[in-house]
Amino acid sequence: MPRIFKDDILIIADPMLATGSTITSVLRHVLKYGVPKRTIIASVIATKYGIERVLREYPFAEIYTVAIDPEMNERGYIVPGLGDAGGDRAFGGP
């Protein structure tokens, strides 16, 4: 991971921001290398819960998403969502 400078713009893409666990984990790791001028998170679909969680922990983050789905199921999947974007869509899973 390269050093992040104060004039940098950090952009993190996550297709589905559901619970916010992935983004908060990534930010916790990446920000060890410096604090950028702007931190942008780009997603295709998100939940209100996930957005609020990320902003609660990282209020300086800017979140851009195409759509906000109304709920998650008991497994933390967005409903109706996109299916398994990581396994099914991106990597040809079952």
N, C-alpha and C. Protein backbone atom coordinates (compact mmCIF):
# COMPACT_ATOMS: atom_id res chain seq x y z
N MET A 1 0.85 -1.18 0.00
CA MET A 1 0.00 0.00 0.00
C MET A 1 0.89 1.23 0.00
N PRO A 2 0.72 2.13 -0.96
CA PRO A 2 1.54 3.35 -0.98
C PRO A 2 1.11 4.33 0.11
N ARG A 3 2.01 5.20 0.45
CA ARG A 3 1.71 6.25 1.42
C ARG A 3 0.65 7.18 0.84
N ILE A 4 -0.25 7.65 1.69
CA ILE A 4 -1.30 8.59 1.29
C ILE A 4 -0.90 9.97 1.80
N PHE A 5 -0.96 10.95 0.90
CA PHE A 5 -0.57 12.31 1.26
C PHE A 5 -1.81 13.18 1.47
N LYS A 6 -1.62 14.30 2.17
CA LYS A 6 -2.75 15.16 2.54
C LYS A 6 -3.46 15.79 1.35
N ASP A 7 -2.82 15.84 0.18
CA ASP A 7 -3.46 16.39 -1.02
C ASP A 7 -4.08 15.32 -1.92
N ASP A 8 -3.97 14.07 -1.52
CA ASP A 8 -4.53 12.96 -2.31
C ASP A 8 -6.04 12.86 -2.18
N ILE A 9 -6.64 12.25 -3.19
CA ILE A 9 -8.06 11.90 -3.14
C ILE A 9 -8.13 10.38 -3.18
N LEU A 10 -8.70 9.80 -2.15
CA LEU A 10 -8.84 8.36 -2.03
C LEU A 10 -10.23 7.96 -2.52
N ILE A 11 -10.29 7.03 -3.47
CA ILE A 11 -11.57 6.54 -3.98
C ILE A 11 -11.62 5.04 -3.76
N ILE A 12 -12.64 4.58 -3.05
CA ILE A 12 -12.84 3.16 -2.79
C ILE A 12 -14.16 2.76 -3.42
N ALA A 13 -14.12 1.71 -4.25
CA ALA A 13 -15.32 1.21 -4.91
C ALA A 13 -15.77 -0.07 -4.22
N ASP A 14 -17.05 -0.14 -3.92
CA ASP A 14 -17.67 -1.34 -3.34
C ASP A 14 -19.03 -1.48 -4.02
N PRO A 15 -19.24 -2.54 -4.81
CA PRO A 15 -20.50 -2.64 -5.55
C PRO A 15 -21.74 -2.57 -4.67
N MET A 16 -21.66 -3.21 -3.49
CA MET A 16 -22.84 -3.22 -2.60
C MET A 16 -22.41 -2.84 -1.19
N LEU A 17 -22.89 -1.73 -0.72
CA LEU A 17 -22.61 -1.26 0.63
C LEU A 17 -23.83 -1.66 1.48
N ALA A 18 -23.77 -2.81 2.11
CA ALA A 18 -24.92 -3.33 2.86
C ALA A 18 -24.81 -2.96 4.33
N THR A 19 -23.98 -3.67 5.08
CA THR A 19 -23.84 -3.41 6.51
C THR A 19 -22.78 -2.35 6.80
N GLY A 20 -21.92 -2.09 5.84
CA GLY A 20 -20.82 -1.14 6.03
C GLY A 20 -19.56 -1.79 6.60
N SER A 21 -19.61 -3.09 6.88
CA SER A 21 -18.45 -3.79 7.47
C SER A 21 -17.24 -3.78 6.56
N THR A 22 -17.43 -4.03 5.27
CA THR A 22 -16.31 -4.07 4.35
C THR A 22 -15.65 -2.70 4.25
N ILE A 23 -16.43 -1.67 4.06
CA ILE A 23 -15.86 -0.32 3.90
C ILE A 23 -15.17 0.14 5.18
N THR A 24 -15.77 -0.07 6.34
CA THR A 24 -15.12 0.37 7.58
C THR A 24 -13.81 -0.40 7.80
N SER A 25 -13.79 -1.67 7.44
CA SER A 25 -12.56 -2.46 7.56
C SER A 25 -11.48 -1.94 6.60
N VAL A 26 -11.87 -1.67 5.37
CA VAL A 26 -10.93 -1.14 4.37
C VAL A 26 -10.39 0.22 4.83
N LEU A 27 -11.28 1.10 5.27
CA LEU A 27 -10.83 2.42 5.72
C LEU A 27 -9.91 2.31 6.93
N ARG A 28 -10.22 1.44 7.86
CA ARG A 28 -9.36 1.26 9.04
C ARG A 28 -7.94 0.87 8.59
N HIS A 29 -7.83 0.00 7.60
CA HIS A 29 -6.52 -0.42 7.10
C HIS A 29 -5.83 0.68 6.28
N VAL A 30 -6.53 1.22 5.31
CA VAL A 30 -5.94 2.17 4.36
C VAL A 30 -5.49 3.46 5.06
N LEU A 31 -6.26 3.93 6.01
CA LEU A 31 -5.93 5.21 6.65
C LEU A 31 -4.72 5.12 7.57
N LYS A 32 -4.18 3.92 7.76
CA LYS A 32 -2.91 3.77 8.48
C LYS A 32 -1.76 4.37 7.66
N TYR A 33 -1.99 4.52 6.37
CA TYR A 33 -0.95 5.00 5.46
C TYR A 33 -1.04 6.50 5.19
N GLY A 34 -1.95 7.18 5.88
CA GLY A 34 -2.08 8.62 5.73
C GLY A 34 -3.53 9.03 5.58
N VAL A 35 -3.77 10.32 5.75
CA VAL A 35 -5.12 10.87 5.65
C VAL A 35 -5.20 11.76 4.41
N PRO A 36 -6.05 11.40 3.45
CA PRO A 36 -6.15 12.17 2.21
C PRO A 36 -6.99 13.42 2.38
N LYS A 37 -6.94 14.27 1.38
CA LYS A 37 -7.77 15.49 1.34
C LYS A 37 -9.25 15.11 1.29
N ARG A 38 -9.57 14.10 0.47
CA ARG A 38 -10.96 13.63 0.33
C ARG A 38 -10.96 12.11 0.34
N THR A 39 -12.02 11.55 0.93
CA THR A 39 -12.23 10.11 0.92
C THR A 39 -13.59 9.85 0.30
N ILE A 40 -13.59 9.21 -0.87
CA ILE A 40 -14.82 8.99 -1.62
C ILE A 40 -15.10 7.49 -1.69
N ILE A 41 -16.33 7.12 -1.40
CA ILE A 41 -16.78 5.74 -1.51
C ILE A 41 -17.83 5.70 -2.61
N ALA A 42 -17.62 4.83 -3.59
CA ALA A 42 -18.55 4.70 -4.71
C ALA A 42 -19.16 3.31 -4.69
N SER A 43 -20.51 3.25 -4.76
CA SER A 43 -21.18 1.96 -4.78
C SER A 43 -22.33 1.99 -5.78
N VAL A 44 -22.74 0.81 -6.18
CA VAL A 44 -23.88 0.70 -7.08
C VAL A 44 -25.17 0.72 -6.27
N ILE A 45 -25.16 0.02 -5.15
CA ILE A 45 -26.35 -0.07 -4.33
C ILE A 45 -25.94 -0.07 -2.86
N ALA A 46 -26.76 0.51 -2.02
CA ALA A 46 -26.43 0.63 -0.59
C ALA A 46 -27.71 0.53 0.24
N THR A 47 -27.51 0.41 1.54
CA THR A 47 -28.63 0.50 2.48
C THR A 47 -28.42 1.73 3.35
N LYS A 48 -29.49 2.24 3.88
CA LYS A 48 -29.40 3.38 4.79
C LYS A 48 -28.55 3.02 6.01
N TYR A 49 -28.73 1.79 6.51
CA TYR A 49 -27.96 1.31 7.66
C TYR A 49 -26.45 1.38 7.37
N GLY A 50 -26.04 0.85 6.21
CA GLY A 50 -24.63 0.83 5.85
C GLY A 50 -24.05 2.23 5.71
N ILE A 51 -24.79 3.10 5.07
CA ILE A 51 -24.35 4.49 4.90
C ILE A 51 -24.18 5.15 6.26
N GLU A 52 -25.17 5.00 7.12
CA GLU A 52 -25.10 5.63 8.45
C GLU A 52 -23.95 5.08 9.27
N ARG A 53 -23.71 3.77 9.17
CA ARG A 53 -22.61 3.17 9.93
C ARG A 53 -21.27 3.73 9.48
N VAL A 54 -21.04 3.78 8.18
CA VAL A 54 -19.78 4.31 7.66
C VAL A 54 -19.60 5.76 8.10
N LEU A 55 -20.64 6.57 7.95
CA LEU A 55 -20.53 7.98 8.31
C LEU A 55 -20.40 8.21 9.82
N ARG A 56 -20.93 7.30 10.60
CA ARG A 56 -20.77 7.39 12.06
C ARG A 56 -19.29 7.20 12.43
N GLU A 57 -18.63 6.25 11.78
CA GLU A 57 -17.22 5.97 12.08
C GLU A 57 -16.26 6.89 11.32
N TYR A 58 -16.66 7.31 10.12
CA TYR A 58 -15.81 8.15 9.27
C TYR A 58 -16.64 9.30 8.70
N PRO A 59 -16.97 10.29 9.53
CA PRO A 59 -17.87 11.37 9.10
C PRO A 59 -17.34 12.21 7.94
N PHE A 60 -16.05 12.15 7.68
CA PHE A 60 -15.46 12.92 6.58
C PHE A 60 -15.62 12.21 5.23
N ALA A 61 -16.06 10.96 5.24
CA ALA A 61 -16.21 10.20 3.98
C ALA A 61 -17.37 10.75 3.16
N GLU A 62 -17.19 10.72 1.85
CA GLU A 62 -18.26 11.08 0.92
C GLU A 62 -18.74 9.78 0.28
N ILE A 63 -20.04 9.53 0.33
CA ILE A 63 -20.58 8.30 -0.23
C ILE A 63 -21.46 8.63 -1.42
N TYR A 64 -21.14 7.99 -2.55
CA TYR A 64 -21.93 8.15 -3.78
C TYR A 64 -22.45 6.77 -4.16
N THR A 65 -23.76 6.67 -4.34
CA THR A 65 -24.37 5.40 -4.71
C THR A 65 -25.46 5.65 -5.75
N VAL A 66 -25.73 4.64 -6.53
CA VAL A 66 -26.77 4.75 -7.56
C VAL A 66 -28.15 4.59 -6.95
N ALA A 67 -28.28 3.65 -5.99
CA ALA A 67 -29.59 3.38 -5.40
C ALA A 67 -29.45 2.97 -3.94
N ILE A 68 -30.49 3.26 -3.17
CA ILE A 68 -30.56 2.82 -1.77
C ILE A 68 -31.75 1.88 -1.66
N ASP A 69 -31.47 0.60 -1.38
CA ASP A 69 -32.56 -0.36 -1.18
C ASP A 69 -33.05 -0.26 0.26
N PRO A 70 -34.33 -0.55 0.48
CA PRO A 70 -34.95 -0.28 1.76
C PRO A 70 -34.56 -1.18 2.92
N GLU A 71 -34.07 -2.39 2.67
CA GLU A 71 -33.83 -3.28 3.81
C GLU A 71 -32.75 -4.30 3.52
N MET A 72 -32.36 -5.00 4.61
CA MET A 72 -31.46 -6.14 4.54
C MET A 72 -32.17 -7.33 5.15
N ASN A 73 -31.78 -8.52 4.73
CA ASN A 73 -32.35 -9.70 5.36
C ASN A 73 -31.53 -10.08 6.59
N GLU A 74 -31.88 -11.21 7.22
CA GLU A 74 -31.20 -11.63 8.45
C GLU A 74 -29.73 -11.98 8.24
N ARG A 75 -29.32 -12.21 6.99
CA ARG A 75 -27.92 -12.51 6.69
C ARG A 75 -27.12 -11.26 6.32
N GLY A 76 -27.75 -10.09 6.34
CA GLY A 76 -27.07 -8.84 6.00
C GLY A 76 -26.99 -8.58 4.52
N TYR A 77 -27.83 -9.27 3.74
CA TYR A 77 -27.88 -9.06 2.29
C TYR A 77 -28.93 -8.00 1.97
N ILE A 78 -28.62 -7.16 0.99
CA ILE A 78 -29.55 -6.12 0.56
C ILE A 78 -30.75 -6.77 -0.13
N VAL A 79 -31.95 -6.28 0.23
CA VAL A 79 -33.19 -6.79 -0.37
C VAL A 79 -33.88 -5.63 -1.10
N PRO A 80 -34.20 -5.75 -2.38
CA PRO A 80 -34.00 -6.92 -3.22
C PRO A 80 -32.56 -7.11 -3.67
N GLY A 81 -31.75 -6.08 -3.73
CA GLY A 81 -30.33 -6.22 -4.01
C GLY A 81 -29.99 -6.66 -5.42
N LEU A 82 -28.75 -7.15 -5.57
CA LEU A 82 -28.23 -7.54 -6.88
C LEU A 82 -27.85 -9.01 -6.95
N GLY A 83 -28.14 -9.77 -5.92
CA GLY A 83 -27.63 -11.14 -5.86
C GLY A 83 -26.23 -11.11 -5.27
N ASP A 84 -25.48 -12.16 -5.45
CA ASP A 84 -24.12 -12.24 -4.92
C ASP A 84 -23.16 -11.65 -5.94
N ALA A 85 -22.96 -10.35 -5.89
CA ALA A 85 -22.13 -9.66 -6.88
C ALA A 85 -20.70 -10.15 -6.86
N GLY A 86 -20.18 -10.48 -5.68
CA GLY A 86 -18.81 -10.95 -5.60
C GLY A 86 -18.64 -12.36 -6.13
N GLY A 87 -19.45 -13.28 -5.67
CA GLY A 87 -19.30 -14.68 -6.07
C GLY A 87 -19.98 -15.00 -7.37
N ASP A 88 -21.26 -14.74 -7.47
CA ASP A 88 -22.02 -15.11 -8.66
C ASP A 88 -21.69 -14.24 -9.87
N ARG A 89 -21.72 -12.96 -9.70
CA ARG A 89 -21.61 -12.04 -10.83
C ARG A 89 -20.15 -11.85 -11.30
N ALA A 90 -19.26 -11.61 -10.37
CA ALA A 90 -17.89 -11.27 -10.75
C ALA A 90 -17.02 -12.50 -11.02
N PHE A 91 -17.27 -13.60 -10.29
CA PHE A 91 -16.35 -14.73 -10.37
C PHE A 91 -17.02 -16.02 -10.85
N GLY A 92 -18.22 -15.93 -11.41
CA GLY A 92 -18.88 -17.08 -12.01
C GLY A 92 -19.29 -18.17 -11.04
N GLY A 93 -19.59 -17.80 -9.81
CA GLY A 93 -20.00 -18.77 -8.78
C GLY A 93 -21.32 -19.43 -9.13
N PRO A 94 -21.77 -20.31 -8.24
CA PRO A 94 -23.01 -21.08 -8.50
C PRO A 94 -24.25 -20.25 -8.72
